[in-house]
Amino acid sequence: MVALLLVLAACNGDDGSFGDVEGVVDALADEGVECENLDTTDEFASETDADVSERGLCVVDGKPVVISLFDDAAARREWVDAAGGLGSGPVAAGENWVISADSPDLIQRAAAALDGTIAGPND
């Protein structure tokens, strides 16, 4: 029973939210976007991480990708605004997640794969 609850907690919620980074990676893979070498350590934290509840770094098509999860949509919006103020470009975003990469094509693919949007500061 506990194992079933853990599996369900990681699944994509009806509202487009995720319980953990692995759930995001699995959902991307289901849509043909393979995120390899997932690292969920906090060794790559940045100054905008106060609102991040979980973070993962992986590689898609040879490019580094950062997946960030938040407790709620308000924390996600605050992070996107703060990151944009620091010069970050657009990100793929959903209810409680953000995917960052230095590739506009990759951001677009991730947003489409997860039914997200492209977000920037003050969106």
PDB file of N, CA and C in Angstrom:
ATOM      1  N   MET A   1       0.813  -1.188   0.000  1.00  0.00           N
ATOM      2  CA  MET A   1       0.000   0.000   0.000  1.00  0.00           C
ATOM      3  C   MET A   1       0.861   1.258   0.000  1.00  0.00           C
ATOM      4  N   VAL A   2       1.917   1.301   0.823  1.00  0.00           N
ATOM      5  CA  VAL A   2       2.802   2.448   0.878  1.00  0.00           C
ATOM      6  C   VAL A   2       3.474   2.669  -0.472  1.00  0.00           C
ATOM      7  N   ALA A   3       3.915   1.596  -1.128  1.00  0.00           N
ATOM      8  CA  ALA A   3       4.557   1.711  -2.438  1.00  0.00           C
ATOM      9  C   ALA A   3       3.602   2.313  -3.453  1.00  0.00           C
ATOM     10  N   LEU A   4       2.342   1.901  -3.424  1.00  0.00           N
ATOM     11  CA  LEU A   4       1.354   2.459  -4.339  1.00  0.00           C
ATOM     12  C   LEU A   4       1.179   3.950  -4.105  1.00  0.00           C
ATOM     13  N   LEU A   5       1.142   4.375  -2.863  1.00  0.00           N
ATOM     14  CA  LEU A   5       1.004   5.796  -2.555  1.00  0.00           C
ATOM     15  C   LEU A   5       2.205   6.593  -3.045  1.00  0.00           C
ATOM     16  N   LEU A   6       3.404   6.023  -2.915  1.00  0.00           N
ATOM     17  CA  LEU A   6       4.590   6.702  -3.410  1.00  0.00           C
ATOM     18  C   LEU A   6       4.561   6.848  -4.921  1.00  0.00           C
ATOM     19  N   VAL A   7       4.111   5.823  -5.614  1.00  0.00           N
ATOM     20  CA  VAL A   7       3.995   5.894  -7.068  1.00  0.00           C
ATOM     21  C   VAL A   7       2.981   6.955  -7.465  1.00  0.00           C
ATOM     22  N   LEU A   8       1.848   6.962  -6.804  1.00  0.00           N
ATOM     23  CA  LEU A   8       0.819   7.950  -7.125  1.00  0.00           C
ATOM     24  C   LEU A   8       1.278   9.365  -6.819  1.00  0.00           C
ATOM     25  N   ALA A   9       2.051   9.553  -5.776  1.00  0.00           N
ATOM     26  CA  ALA A   9       2.535  10.886  -5.420  1.00  0.00           C
ATOM     27  C   ALA A   9       3.477  11.442  -6.465  1.00  0.00           C
ATOM     28  N   ALA A  10       4.197  10.604  -7.178  1.00  0.00           N
ATOM     29  CA  ALA A  10       5.140  11.052  -8.191  1.00  0.00           C
ATOM     30  C   ALA A  10       4.474  11.341  -9.524  1.00  0.00           C
ATOM     31  N   CYS A  11       3.244  10.908  -9.695  1.00  0.00           N
ATOM     32  CA  CYS A  11       2.569  11.057 -10.980  1.00  0.00           C
ATOM     33  C   CYS A  11       2.138  12.487 -11.228  1.00  0.00           C
ATOM     34  N   ASN A  12       1.963  12.770 -12.490  1.00  0.00           N
ATOM     35  CA  ASN A  12       1.464  14.061 -12.918  1.00  0.00           C
ATOM     36  C   ASN A  12       0.049  14.238 -12.377  1.00  0.00           C
ATOM     37  N   GLY A  13      -0.187  15.330 -11.658  1.00  0.00           N
ATOM     38  CA  GLY A  13      -1.505  15.604 -11.114  1.00  0.00           C
ATOM     39  C   GLY A  13      -2.463  16.079 -12.187  1.00  0.00           C
ATOM     40  N   ASP A  14      -3.746  16.047 -11.884  1.00  0.00           N
ATOM     41  CA  ASP A  14      -4.754  16.516 -12.837  1.00  0.00           C
ATOM     42  C   ASP A  14      -4.560  17.982 -13.189  1.00  0.00           C
ATOM     43  N   ASP A  15      -3.915  18.723 -12.300  1.00  0.00           N
ATOM     44  CA  ASP A  15      -3.715  20.153 -12.542  1.00  0.00           C
ATOM     45  C   ASP A  15      -2.405  20.443 -13.269  1.00  0.00           C
ATOM     46  N   GLY A  16      -1.682  19.418 -13.715  1.00  0.00           N
ATOM     47  CA  GLY A  16      -0.417  19.615 -14.417  1.00  0.00           C
ATOM     48  C   GLY A  16       0.773  19.732 -13.487  1.00  0.00           C
ATOM     49  N   SER A  17       0.576  19.411 -12.211  1.00  0.00           N
ATOM     50  CA  SER A  17       1.680  19.478 -11.262  1.00  0.00           C
ATOM     51  C   SER A  17       2.350  18.112 -11.141  1.00  0.00           C
ATOM     52  N   PHE A  18       3.541  18.110 -10.557  1.00  0.00           N
ATOM     53  CA  PHE A  18       4.302  16.880 -10.366  1.00  0.00           C
ATOM     54  C   PHE A  18       4.717  16.760  -8.910  1.00  0.00           C
ATOM     55  N   GLY A  19       4.816  15.518  -8.426  1.00  0.00           N
ATOM     56  CA  GLY A  19       5.221  15.250  -7.051  1.00  0.00           C
ATOM     57  C   GLY A  19       6.719  15.253  -6.857  1.00  0.00           C
ATOM     58  N   ASP A  20       7.476  14.960  -7.935  1.00  0.00           N
ATOM     59  CA  ASP A  20       8.929  14.974  -7.836  1.00  0.00           C
ATOM     60  C   ASP A  20       9.545  15.115  -9.223  1.00  0.00           C
ATOM     61  N   VAL A  21      10.848  15.371  -9.250  1.00  0.00           N
ATOM     62  CA  VAL A  21      11.565  15.579 -10.512  1.00  0.00           C
ATOM     63  C   VAL A  21      11.509  14.331 -11.384  1.00  0.00           C
ATOM     64  N   GLU A  22      11.592  13.148 -10.767  1.00  0.00           N
ATOM     65  CA  GLU A  22      11.529  11.916 -11.547  1.00  0.00           C
ATOM     66  C   GLU A  22      10.214  11.818 -12.312  1.00  0.00           C
ATOM     67  N   GLY A  23       9.128  12.316 -11.747  1.00  0.00           N
ATOM     68  CA  GLY A  23       7.846  12.333 -12.440  1.00  0.00           C
ATOM     69  C   GLY A  23       7.890  13.201 -13.689  1.00  0.00           C
ATOM     70  N   VAL A  24       8.595  14.319 -13.622  1.00  0.00           N
ATOM     71  CA  VAL A  24       8.766  15.195 -14.786  1.00  0.00           C
ATOM     72  C   VAL A  24       9.577  14.464 -15.855  1.00  0.00           C
ATOM     73  N   VAL A  25      10.680  13.845 -15.429  1.00  0.00           N
ATOM     74  CA  VAL A  25      11.543  13.112 -16.365  1.00  0.00           C
ATOM     75  C   VAL A  25      10.764  11.994 -17.049  1.00  0.00           C
ATOM     76  N   ASP A  26       9.965  11.255 -16.287  1.00  0.00           N
ATOM     77  CA  ASP A  26       9.159  10.176 -16.862  1.00  0.00           C
ATOM     78  C   ASP A  26       8.134  10.718 -17.861  1.00  0.00           C
ATOM     79  N   ALA A  27       7.498  11.826 -17.518  1.00  0.00           N
ATOM     80  CA  ALA A  27       6.501  12.417 -18.420  1.00  0.00           C
ATOM     81  C   ALA A  27       7.159  12.922 -19.699  1.00  0.00           C
ATOM     82  N   LEU A  28       8.342  13.502 -19.588  1.00  0.00           N
ATOM     83  CA  LEU A  28       9.079  13.926 -20.789  1.00  0.00           C
ATOM     84  C   LEU A  28       9.393  12.719 -21.666  1.00  0.00           C
ATOM     85  N   ALA A  29       9.878  11.640 -21.052  1.00  0.00           N
ATOM     86  CA  ALA A  29      10.225  10.427 -21.799  1.00  0.00           C
ATOM     87  C   ALA A  29       9.000   9.855 -22.508  1.00  0.00           C
ATOM     88  N   ASP A  30       7.842   9.901 -21.843  1.00  0.00           N
ATOM     89  CA  ASP A  30       6.606   9.410 -22.462  1.00  0.00           C
ATOM     90  C   ASP A  30       6.278  10.158 -23.745  1.00  0.00           C
ATOM     91  N   GLU A  31       6.781  11.392 -23.842  1.00  0.00           N
ATOM     92  CA  GLU A  31       6.527  12.220 -25.029  1.00  0.00           C
ATOM     93  C   GLU A  31       7.742  12.299 -25.952  1.00  0.00           C
ATOM     94  N   GLY A  32       8.716  11.411 -25.729  1.00  0.00           N
ATOM     95  CA  GLY A  32       9.865  11.330 -26.629  1.00  0.00           C
ATOM     96  C   GLY A  32      11.002  12.294 -26.326  1.00  0.00           C
ATOM     97  N   VAL A  33      10.977  12.951 -25.171  1.00  0.00           N
ATOM     98  CA  VAL A  33      12.063  13.849 -24.770  1.00  0.00           C
ATOM     99  C   VAL A  33      12.843  13.128 -23.675  1.00  0.00           C
ATOM    100  N   GLU A  34      13.989  12.551 -24.058  1.00  0.00           N
ATOM    101  CA  GLU A  34      14.781  11.740 -23.132  1.00  0.00           C
ATOM    102  C   GLU A  34      15.730  12.616 -22.318  1.00  0.00           C
ATOM    103  N   CYS A  35      15.549  12.587 -21.018  1.00  0.00           N
ATOM    104  CA  CYS A  35      16.362  13.352 -20.069  1.00  0.00           C
ATOM    105  C   CYS A  35      17.317  12.356 -19.407  1.00  0.00           C
ATOM    106  N   GLU A  36      18.594  12.406 -19.766  1.00  0.00           N
ATOM    107  CA  GLU A  36      19.567  11.414 -19.321  1.00  0.00           C
ATOM    108  C   GLU A  36      20.431  11.937 -18.177  1.00  0.00           C
ATOM    109  N   ASN A  37      21.009  11.000 -17.433  1.00  0.00           N
ATOM    110  CA  ASN A  37      21.960  11.308 -16.358  1.00  0.00           C
ATOM    111  C   ASN A  37      21.377  12.241 -15.305  1.00  0.00           C
ATOM    112  N   LEU A  38      20.183  11.953 -14.834  1.00  0.00           N
ATOM    113  CA  LEU A  38      19.521  12.801 -13.845  1.00  0.00           C
ATOM    114  C   LEU A  38      20.322  12.874 -12.553  1.00  0.00           C
ATOM    115  N   ASP A  39      20.543  14.093 -12.084  1.00  0.00           N
ATOM    116  CA  ASP A  39      21.240  14.356 -10.818  1.00  0.00           C
ATOM    117  C   ASP A  39      20.323  15.251  -9.987  1.00  0.00           C
ATOM    118  N   THR A  40      19.901  14.756  -8.824  1.00  0.00           N
ATOM    119  CA  THR A  40      19.010  15.541  -7.972  1.00  0.00           C
ATOM    120  C   THR A  40      19.718  16.066  -6.722  1.00  0.00           C
ATOM    121  N   THR A  41      21.060  16.105  -6.741  1.00  0.00           N
ATOM    122  CA  THR A  41      21.786  16.710  -5.626  1.00  0.00           C
ATOM    123  C   THR A  41      21.651  18.230  -5.729  1.00  0.00           C
ATOM    124  N   ASP A  42      21.928  18.921  -4.658  1.00  0.00           N
ATOM    125  CA  ASP A  42      21.829  20.382  -4.655  1.00  0.00           C
ATOM    126  C   ASP A  42      23.165  21.058  -4.909  1.00  0.00           C
ATOM    127  N   GLU A  43      24.082  20.381  -5.541  1.00  0.00           N
ATOM    128  CA  GLU A  43      25.409  20.933  -5.785  1.00  0.00           C
ATOM    129  C   GLU A  43      25.402  22.083  -6.774  1.00  0.00           C
ATOM    130  N   PHE A  44      24.320  22.261  -7.501  1.00  0.00           N
ATOM    131  CA  PHE A  44      24.272  23.304  -8.522  1.00  0.00           C
ATOM    132  C   PHE A  44      23.217  24.368  -8.191  1.00  0.00           C
ATOM    133  N   ALA A  45      22.961  24.580  -6.914  1.00  0.00           N
ATOM    134  CA  ALA A  45      21.977  25.569  -6.475  1.00  0.00           C
ATOM    135  C   ALA A  45      22.434  26.983  -6.860  1.00  0.00           C
ATOM    136  N   SER A  46      21.454  27.855  -7.067  1.00  0.00           N
ATOM    137  CA  SER A  46      21.754  29.248  -7.422  1.00  0.00           C
ATOM    138  C   SER A  46      21.052  30.192  -6.463  1.00  0.00           C
ATOM    139  N   GLU A  47      21.245  31.479  -6.666  1.00  0.00           N
ATOM    140  CA  GLU A  47      20.684  32.465  -5.743  1.00  0.00           C
ATOM    141  C   GLU A  47      19.172  32.589  -5.838  1.00  0.00           C
ATOM    142  N   THR A  48      18.543  32.011  -6.841  1.00  0.00           N
ATOM    143  CA  THR A  48      17.084  32.081  -6.962  1.00  0.00           C
ATOM    144  C   THR A  48      16.403  30.836  -6.397  1.00  0.00           C
ATOM    145  N   ASP A  49      17.125  30.033  -5.633  1.00  0.00           N
ATOM    146  CA  ASP A  49      16.612  28.736  -5.192  1.00  0.00           C
ATOM    147  C   ASP A  49      15.766  28.751  -3.931  1.00  0.00           C
ATOM    148  N   ALA A  50      15.532  29.878  -3.322  1.00  0.00           N
ATOM    149  CA  ALA A  50      14.790  29.906  -2.061  1.00  0.00           C
ATOM    150  C   ALA A  50      13.405  29.277  -2.203  1.00  0.00           C
ATOM    151  N   ASP A  51      12.770  29.415  -3.366  1.00  0.00           N
ATOM    152  CA  ASP A  51      11.418  28.901  -3.568  1.00  0.00           C
ATOM    153  C   ASP A  51      11.387  27.492  -4.147  1.00  0.00           C
ATOM    154  N   VAL A  52      12.542  26.934  -4.492  1.00  0.00           N
ATOM    155  CA  VAL A  52      12.601  25.620  -5.135  1.00  0.00           C
ATOM    156  C   VAL A  52      12.478  24.519  -4.083  1.00  0.00           C
ATOM    157  N   SER A  53      11.506  23.611  -4.275  1.00  0.00           N
ATOM    158  CA  SER A  53      11.347  22.496  -3.342  1.00  0.00           C
ATOM    159  C   SER A  53      12.185  21.289  -3.751  1.00  0.00           C
ATOM    160  N   GLU A  54      12.432  21.135  -5.048  1.00  0.00           N
ATOM    161  CA  GLU A  54      13.286  20.055  -5.552  1.00  0.00           C
ATOM    162  C   GLU A  54      13.843  20.474  -6.902  1.00  0.00           C
ATOM    163  N   ARG A  55      15.067  20.027  -7.178  1.00  0.00           N
ATOM    164  CA  ARG A  55      15.708  20.380  -8.433  1.00  0.00           C
ATOM    165  C   ARG A  55      16.439  19.181  -8.982  1.00  0.00           C
ATOM    166  N   GLY A  56      16.479  19.074 -10.310  1.00  0.00           N
ATOM    167  CA  GLY A  56      17.231  18.020 -10.968  1.00  0.00           C
ATOM    168  C   GLY A  56      17.945  18.572 -12.186  1.00  0.00           C
ATOM    169  N   LEU A  57      19.098  18.035 -12.462  1.00  0.00           N
ATOM    170  CA  LEU A  57      19.879  18.412 -13.637  1.00  0.00           C
ATOM    171  C   LEU A  57      20.016  17.167 -14.499  1.00  0.00           C
ATOM    172  N   CYS A  58      19.747  17.312 -15.793  1.00  0.00           N
ATOM    173  CA  CYS A  58      19.911  16.189 -16.709  1.00  0.00           C
ATOM    174  C   CYS A  58      20.388  16.716 -18.058  1.00  0.00           C
ATOM    175  N   VAL A  59      20.520  15.819 -19.008  1.00  0.00           N
ATOM    176  CA  VAL A  59      21.000  16.171 -20.346  1.00  0.00           C
ATOM    177  C   VAL A  59      19.980  15.691 -21.370  1.00  0.00           C
ATOM    178  N   VAL A  60      19.569  16.607 -22.252  1.00  0.00           N
ATOM    179  CA  VAL A  60      18.663  16.280 -23.350  1.00  0.00           C
ATOM    180  C   VAL A  60      19.355  16.694 -24.643  1.00  0.00           C
ATOM    181  N   ASP A  61      19.539  15.749 -25.543  1.00  0.00           N
ATOM    182  CA  ASP A  61      20.202  16.026 -26.824  1.00  0.00           C
ATOM    183  C   ASP A  61      21.556  16.708 -26.630  1.00  0.00           C
ATOM    184  N   GLY A  62      22.289  16.285 -25.592  1.00  0.00           N
ATOM    185  CA  GLY A  62      23.617  16.828 -25.334  1.00  0.00           C
ATOM    186  C   GLY A  62      23.627  18.185 -24.648  1.00  0.00           C
ATOM    187  N   LYS A  63      22.465  18.711 -24.282  1.00  0.00           N
ATOM    188  CA  LYS A  63      22.376  20.028 -23.654  1.00  0.00           C
ATOM    189  C   LYS A  63      21.915  19.884 -22.202  1.00  0.00           C
ATOM    190  N   PRO A  64      22.536  20.662 -21.287  1.00  0.00           N
ATOM    191  CA  PRO A  64      22.106  20.593 -19.893  1.00  0.00           C
ATOM    192  C   PRO A  64      20.717  21.204 -19.706  1.00  0.00           C
ATOM    193  N   VAL A  65      19.931  20.560 -18.864  1.00  0.00           N
ATOM    194  CA  VAL A  65      18.564  20.984 -18.568  1.00  0.00           C
ATOM    195  C   VAL A  65      18.389  20.970 -17.057  1.00  0.00           C
ATOM    196  N   VAL A  66      17.771  22.013 -16.527  1.00  0.00           N
ATOM    197  CA  VAL A  66      17.474  22.080 -15.099  1.00  0.00           C
ATOM    198  C   VAL A  66      15.965  22.014 -14.921  1.00  0.00           C
ATOM    199  N   ILE A  67      15.523  21.077 -14.090  1.00  0.00           N
ATOM    200  CA  ILE A  67      14.102  20.916 -13.763  1.00  0.00           C
ATOM    201  C   ILE A  67      13.925  21.363 -12.316  1.00  0.00           C
ATOM    202  N   SER A  68      13.052  22.338 -12.097  1.00  0.00           N
ATOM    203  CA  SER A  68      12.799  22.844 -10.750  1.00  0.00           C
ATOM    204  C   SER A  68      11.333  22.643 -10.390  1.00  0.00           C
ATOM    205  N   LEU A  69      11.095  22.162  -9.173  1.00  0.00           N
ATOM    206  CA  LEU A  69       9.733  22.008  -8.657  1.00  0.00           C
ATOM    207  C   LEU A  69       9.511  22.993  -7.523  1.00  0.00           C
ATOM    208  N   PHE A  70       8.262  23.390  -7.355  1.00  0.00           N
ATOM    209  CA  PHE A  70       7.881  24.379  -6.359  1.00  0.00           C
ATOM    210  C   PHE A  70       6.678  23.874  -5.583  1.00  0.00           C
ATOM    211  N   ASP A  71       6.466  24.444  -4.408  1.00  0.00           N
ATOM    212  CA  ASP A  71       5.332  24.031  -3.588  1.00  0.00           C
ATOM    213  C   ASP A  71       3.997  24.409  -4.223  1.00  0.00           C
ATOM    214  N   ASP A  72       3.975  25.493  -4.992  1.00  0.00           N
ATOM    215  CA  ASP A  72       2.727  25.943  -5.611  1.00  0.00           C
ATOM    216  C   ASP A  72       3.022  26.902  -6.761  1.00  0.00           C
ATOM    217  N   ALA A  73       1.965  27.303  -7.469  1.00  0.00           N
ATOM    218  CA  ALA A  73       2.106  28.172  -8.638  1.00  0.00           C
ATOM    219  C   ALA A  73       2.645  29.545  -8.261  1.00  0.00           C
ATOM    220  N   ALA A  74       2.293  30.051  -7.093  1.00  0.00           N
ATOM    221  CA  ALA A  74       2.780  31.369  -6.669  1.00  0.00           C
ATOM    222  C   ALA A  74       4.299  31.350  -6.493  1.00  0.00           C
ATOM    223  N   ALA A  75       4.836  30.299  -5.883  1.00  0.00           N
ATOM    224  CA  ALA A  75       6.285  30.178  -5.716  1.00  0.00           C
ATOM    225  C   ALA A  75       6.964  30.048  -7.076  1.00  0.00           C
ATOM    226  N   ARG A  76       6.336  29.304  -7.993  1.00  0.00           N
ATOM    227  CA  ARG A  76       6.898  29.174  -9.334  1.00  0.00           C
ATOM    228  C   ARG A  76       6.943  30.520 -10.041  1.00  0.00           C
ATOM    229  N   ARG A  77       5.870  31.302  -9.975  1.00  0.00           N
ATOM    230  CA  ARG A  77       5.845  32.633 -10.614  1.00  0.00           C
ATOM    231  C   ARG A  77       6.913  33.544 -10.021  1.00  0.00           C
ATOM    232  N   GLU A  78       7.056  33.510  -8.704  1.00  0.00           N
ATOM    233  CA  GLU A  78       8.067  34.341  -8.044  1.00  0.00           C
ATOM    234  C   GLU A  78       9.467  33.975  -8.527  1.00  0.00           C
ATOM    235  N   TRP A  79       9.718  32.672  -8.662  1.00  0.00           N
ATOM    236  CA  TRP A  79      11.030  32.220  -9.130  1.00  0.00           C
ATOM    237  C   TRP A  79      11.283  32.667 -10.570  1.00  0.00           C
ATOM    238  N   VAL A  80      10.290  32.512 -11.436  1.00  0.00           N
ATOM    239  CA  VAL A  80      10.445  32.919 -12.841  1.00  0.00           C
ATOM    240  C   VAL A  80      10.744  34.414 -12.923  1.00  0.00           C
ATOM    241  N   ASP A  81      10.038  35.209 -12.144  1.00  0.00           N
ATOM    242  CA  ASP A  81      10.287  36.657 -12.140  1.00  0.00           C
ATOM    243  C   ASP A  81      11.691  36.975 -11.644  1.00  0.00           C
ATOM    244  N   ALA A  82      12.132  36.312 -10.563  1.00  0.00           N
ATOM    245  CA  ALA A  82      13.465  36.551 -10.013  1.00  0.00           C
ATOM    246  C   ALA A  82      14.551  36.106 -10.988  1.00  0.00           C
ATOM    247  N   ALA A  83      14.374  34.949 -11.603  1.00  0.00           N
ATOM    248  CA  ALA A  83      15.370  34.441 -12.554  1.00  0.00           C
ATOM    249  C   ALA A  83      15.452  35.356 -13.771  1.00  0.00           C
ATOM    250  N   GLY A  84      14.318  35.859 -14.226  1.00  0.00           N
ATOM    251  CA  GLY A  84      14.318  36.785 -15.359  1.00  0.00           C
ATOM    252  C   GLY A  84      15.055  38.062 -15.031  1.00  0.00           C
ATOM    253  N   GLY A  85      14.933  38.530 -13.802  1.00  0.00           N
ATOM    254  CA  GLY A  85      15.653  39.720 -13.372  1.00  0.00           C
ATOM    255  C   GLY A  85      17.151  39.523 -13.340  1.00  0.00           C
ATOM    256  N   LEU A  86      17.571  38.269 -13.276  1.00  0.00           N
ATOM    257  CA  LEU A  86      19.001  37.938 -13.284  1.00  0.00           C
ATOM    258  C   LEU A  86      19.503  37.620 -14.686  1.00  0.00           C
ATOM    259  N   GLY A  87      18.641  37.810 -15.688  1.00  0.00           N
ATOM    260  CA  GLY A  87      19.059  37.604 -17.068  1.00  0.00           C
ATOM    261  C   GLY A  87      18.708  36.255 -17.658  1.00  0.00           C
ATOM    262  N   SER A  88      17.957  35.433 -16.929  1.00  0.00           N
ATOM    263  CA  SER A  88      17.541  34.139 -17.461  1.00  0.00           C
ATOM    264  C   SER A  88      16.546  34.348 -18.591  1.00  0.00           C
ATOM    265  N   GLY A  89      16.623  33.515 -19.589  1.00  0.00           N
ATOM    266  CA  GLY A  89      15.687  33.600 -20.706  1.00  0.00           C
ATOM    267  C   GLY A  89      14.386  32.906 -20.380  1.00  0.00           C
ATOM    268  N   PRO A  90      13.538  32.753 -21.377  1.00  0.00           N
ATOM    269  CA  PRO A  90      12.262  32.062 -21.180  1.00  0.00           C
ATOM    270  C   PRO A  90      12.481  30.621 -20.720  1.00  0.00           C
ATOM    271  N   VAL A  91      11.489  30.098 -20.013  1.00  0.00           N
ATOM    272  CA  VAL A  91      11.518  28.736 -19.506  1.00  0.00           C
ATOM    273  C   VAL A  91      10.217  28.045 -19.872  1.00  0.00           C
ATOM    274  N   ALA A  92      10.230  26.710 -19.857  1.00  0.00           N
ATOM    275  CA  ALA A  92       8.989  25.944 -19.956  1.00  0.00           C
ATOM    276  C   ALA A  92       8.431  25.882 -18.540  1.00  0.00           C
ATOM    277  N   ALA A  93       7.131  26.130 -18.385  1.00  0.00           N
ATOM    278  CA  ALA A  93       6.562  26.189 -17.039  1.00  0.00           C
ATOM    279  C   ALA A  93       5.182  25.556 -16.998  1.00  0.00           C
ATOM    280  N   GLY A  94       4.882  24.969 -15.840  1.00  0.00           N
ATOM    281  CA  GLY A  94       3.568  24.414 -15.570  1.00  0.00           C
ATOM    282  C   GLY A  94       3.132  24.820 -14.180  1.00  0.00           C
ATOM    283  N   GLU A  95       2.158  24.127 -13.648  1.00  0.00           N
ATOM    284  CA  GLU A  95       1.568  24.500 -12.356  1.00  0.00           C
ATOM    285  C   GLU A  95       2.614  24.657 -11.253  1.00  0.00           C
ATOM    286  N   ASN A  96       3.492  23.666 -11.086  1.00  0.00           N
ATOM    287  CA  ASN A  96       4.486  23.742 -10.015  1.00  0.00           C
ATOM    288  C   ASN A  96       5.892  23.377 -10.488  1.00  0.00           C
ATOM    289  N   TRP A  97       6.167  23.539 -11.770  1.00  0.00           N
ATOM    290  CA  TRP A  97       7.466  23.150 -12.318  1.00  0.00           C
ATOM    291  C   TRP A  97       7.974  24.161 -13.342  1.00  0.00           C
ATOM    292  N   VAL A  98       9.295  24.159 -13.505  1.00  0.00           N
ATOM    293  CA  VAL A  98       9.972  24.975 -14.519  1.00  0.00           C
ATOM    294  C   VAL A  98      11.095  24.136 -15.100  1.00  0.00           C
ATOM    295  N   ILE A  99      11.275  24.241 -16.408  1.00  0.00           N
ATOM    296  CA  ILE A  99      12.409  23.608 -17.078  1.00  0.00           C
ATOM    297  C   ILE A  99      13.211  24.706 -17.748  1.00  0.00           C
ATOM    298  N   SER A 100      14.498  24.770 -17.406  1.00  0.00           N
ATOM    299  CA  SER A 100      15.406  25.786 -17.935  1.00  0.00           C
ATOM    300  C   SER A 100      16.457  25.116 -18.809  1.00  0.00           C
ATOM    301  N   ALA A 101      16.785  25.762 -19.919  1.00  0.00           N
ATOM    302  CA  ALA A 101      17.847  25.283 -20.813  1.00  0.00           C
ATOM    303  C   ALA A 101      18.272  26.453 -21.684  1.00  0.00           C
ATOM    304  N   ASP A 102      19.474  26.367 -22.223  1.00  0.00           N
ATOM    305  CA  ASP A 102      19.973  27.417 -23.112  1.00  0.00           C
ATOM    306  C   ASP A 102      19.569  27.181 -24.561  1.00  0.00           C
ATOM    307  N   SER A 103      18.500  26.453 -24.773  1.00  0.00           N
ATOM    308  CA  SER A 103      18.036  26.123 -26.117  1.00  0.00           C
ATOM    309  C   SER A 103      16.551  26.459 -26.245  1.00  0.00           C
ATOM    310  N   PRO A 104      16.205  27.499 -27.004  1.00  0.00           N
ATOM    311  CA  PRO A 104      14.787  27.825 -27.189  1.00  0.00           C
ATOM    312  C   PRO A 104      13.985  26.653 -27.756  1.00  0.00           C
ATOM    313  N   ASP A 105      14.585  25.863 -28.652  1.00  0.00           N
ATOM    314  CA  ASP A 105      13.906  24.701 -29.219  1.00  0.00           C
ATOM    315  C   ASP A 105      13.594  23.677 -28.133  1.00  0.00           C
ATOM    316  N   LEU A 106      14.548  23.443 -27.262  1.00  0.00           N
ATOM    317  CA  LEU A 106      14.361  22.486 -26.174  1.00  0.00           C
ATOM    318  C   LEU A 106      13.293  22.969 -25.187  1.00  0.00           C
ATOM    319  N   ILE A 107      13.272  24.245 -24.891  1.00  0.00           N
ATOM    320  CA  ILE A 107      12.240  24.819 -24.020  1.00  0.00           C
ATOM    321  C   ILE A 107      10.867  24.605 -24.655  1.00  0.00           C
ATOM    322  N   GLN A 108      10.761  24.858 -25.945  1.00  0.00           N
ATOM    323  CA  GLN A 108       9.490  24.672 -26.657  1.00  0.00           C
ATOM    324  C   GLN A 108       9.050  23.212 -26.633  1.00  0.00           C
ATOM    325  N   ARG A 109       9.984  22.292 -26.880  1.00  0.00           N
ATOM    326  CA  ARG A 109       9.661  20.859 -26.858  1.00  0.00           C
ATOM    327  C   ARG A 109       9.199  20.402 -25.478  1.00  0.00           C
ATOM    328  N   ALA A 110       9.874  20.884 -24.430  1.00  0.00           N
ATOM    329  CA  ALA A 110       9.504  20.499 -23.069  1.00  0.00           C
ATOM    330  C   ALA A 110       8.119  21.033 -22.716  1.00  0.00           C
ATOM    331  N   ALA A 111       7.853  22.276 -23.067  1.00  0.00           N
ATOM    332  CA  ALA A 111       6.536  22.864 -22.781  1.00  0.00           C
ATOM    333  C   ALA A 111       5.443  22.082 -23.500  1.00  0.00           C
ATOM    334  N   ALA A 112       5.675  21.745 -24.755  1.00  0.00           N
ATOM    335  CA  ALA A 112       4.677  20.994 -25.526  1.00  0.00           C
ATOM    336  C   ALA A 112       4.491  19.586 -24.955  1.00  0.00           C
ATOM    337  N   ALA A 113       5.587  18.942 -24.562  1.00  0.00           N
ATOM    338  CA  ALA A 113       5.511  17.575 -24.043  1.00  0.00           C
ATOM    339  C   ALA A 113       4.720  17.488 -22.741  1.00  0.00           C
ATOM    340  N   LEU A 114       4.792  18.547 -21.929  1.00  0.00           N
ATOM    341  CA  LEU A 114       4.162  18.521 -20.604  1.00  0.00           C
ATOM    342  C   LEU A 114       2.920  19.402 -20.530  1.00  0.00           C
ATOM    343  N   ASP A 115       2.414  19.842 -21.675  1.00  0.00           N
ATOM    344  CA  ASP A 115       1.249  20.736 -21.705  1.00  0.00           C
ATOM    345  C   ASP A 115       1.487  21.988 -20.881  1.00  0.00           C
ATOM    346  N   GLY A 116       2.710  22.502 -20.942  1.00  0.00           N
ATOM    347  CA  GLY A 116       3.065  23.718 -20.213  1.00  0.00           C
ATOM    348  C   GLY A 116       3.015  24.925 -21.135  1.00  0.00           C
ATOM    349  N   THR A 117       3.603  26.005 -20.661  1.00  0.00           N
ATOM    350  CA  THR A 117       3.680  27.234 -21.421  1.00  0.00           C
ATOM    351  C   THR A 117       5.138  27.713 -21.444  1.00  0.00           C
ATOM    352  N   ILE A 118       5.397  28.711 -22.270  1.00  0.00           N
ATOM    353  CA  ILE A 118       6.671  29.386 -22.251  1.00  0.00           C
ATOM    354  C   ILE A 118       6.476  30.613 -21.355  1.00  0.00           C
ATOM    355  N   ALA A 119       7.304  30.726 -20.323  1.00  0.00           N
ATOM    356  CA  ALA A 119       7.137  31.807 -19.356  1.00  0.00           C
ATOM    357  C   ALA A 119       8.418  32.628 -19.248  1.00  0.00           C
ATOM    358  N   GLY A 120       8.234  33.877 -18.936  1.00  0.00           N
ATOM    359  CA  GLY A 120       9.332  34.790 -18.675  1.00  0.00           C
ATOM    360  C   GLY A 120       8.943  35.694 -17.518  1.00  0.00           C
ATOM    361  N   PRO A 121       9.784  36.648 -17.184  1.00  0.00           N
ATOM    362  CA  PRO A 121       9.481  37.533 -16.073  1.00  0.00           C
ATOM    363  C   PRO A 121       8.112  38.220 -16.244  1.00  0.00           C
ATOM    364  N   ASN A 122       7.380  38.269 -15.164  1.00  0.00           N
ATOM    365  CA  ASN A 122       6.079  38.955 -15.089  1.00  0.00           C
ATOM    366  C   ASN A 122       4.999  38.325 -15.953  1.00  0.00           C
ATOM    367  N   ASP A 123       5.165  37.052 -16.334  1.00  0.00           N
ATOM    368  CA  ASP A 123       4.096  36.353 -17.086  1.00  0.00           C
ATOM    369  C   ASP A 123       3.038  35.843 -16.149  1.00  0.00           C
TER     370      ASP A 123
END
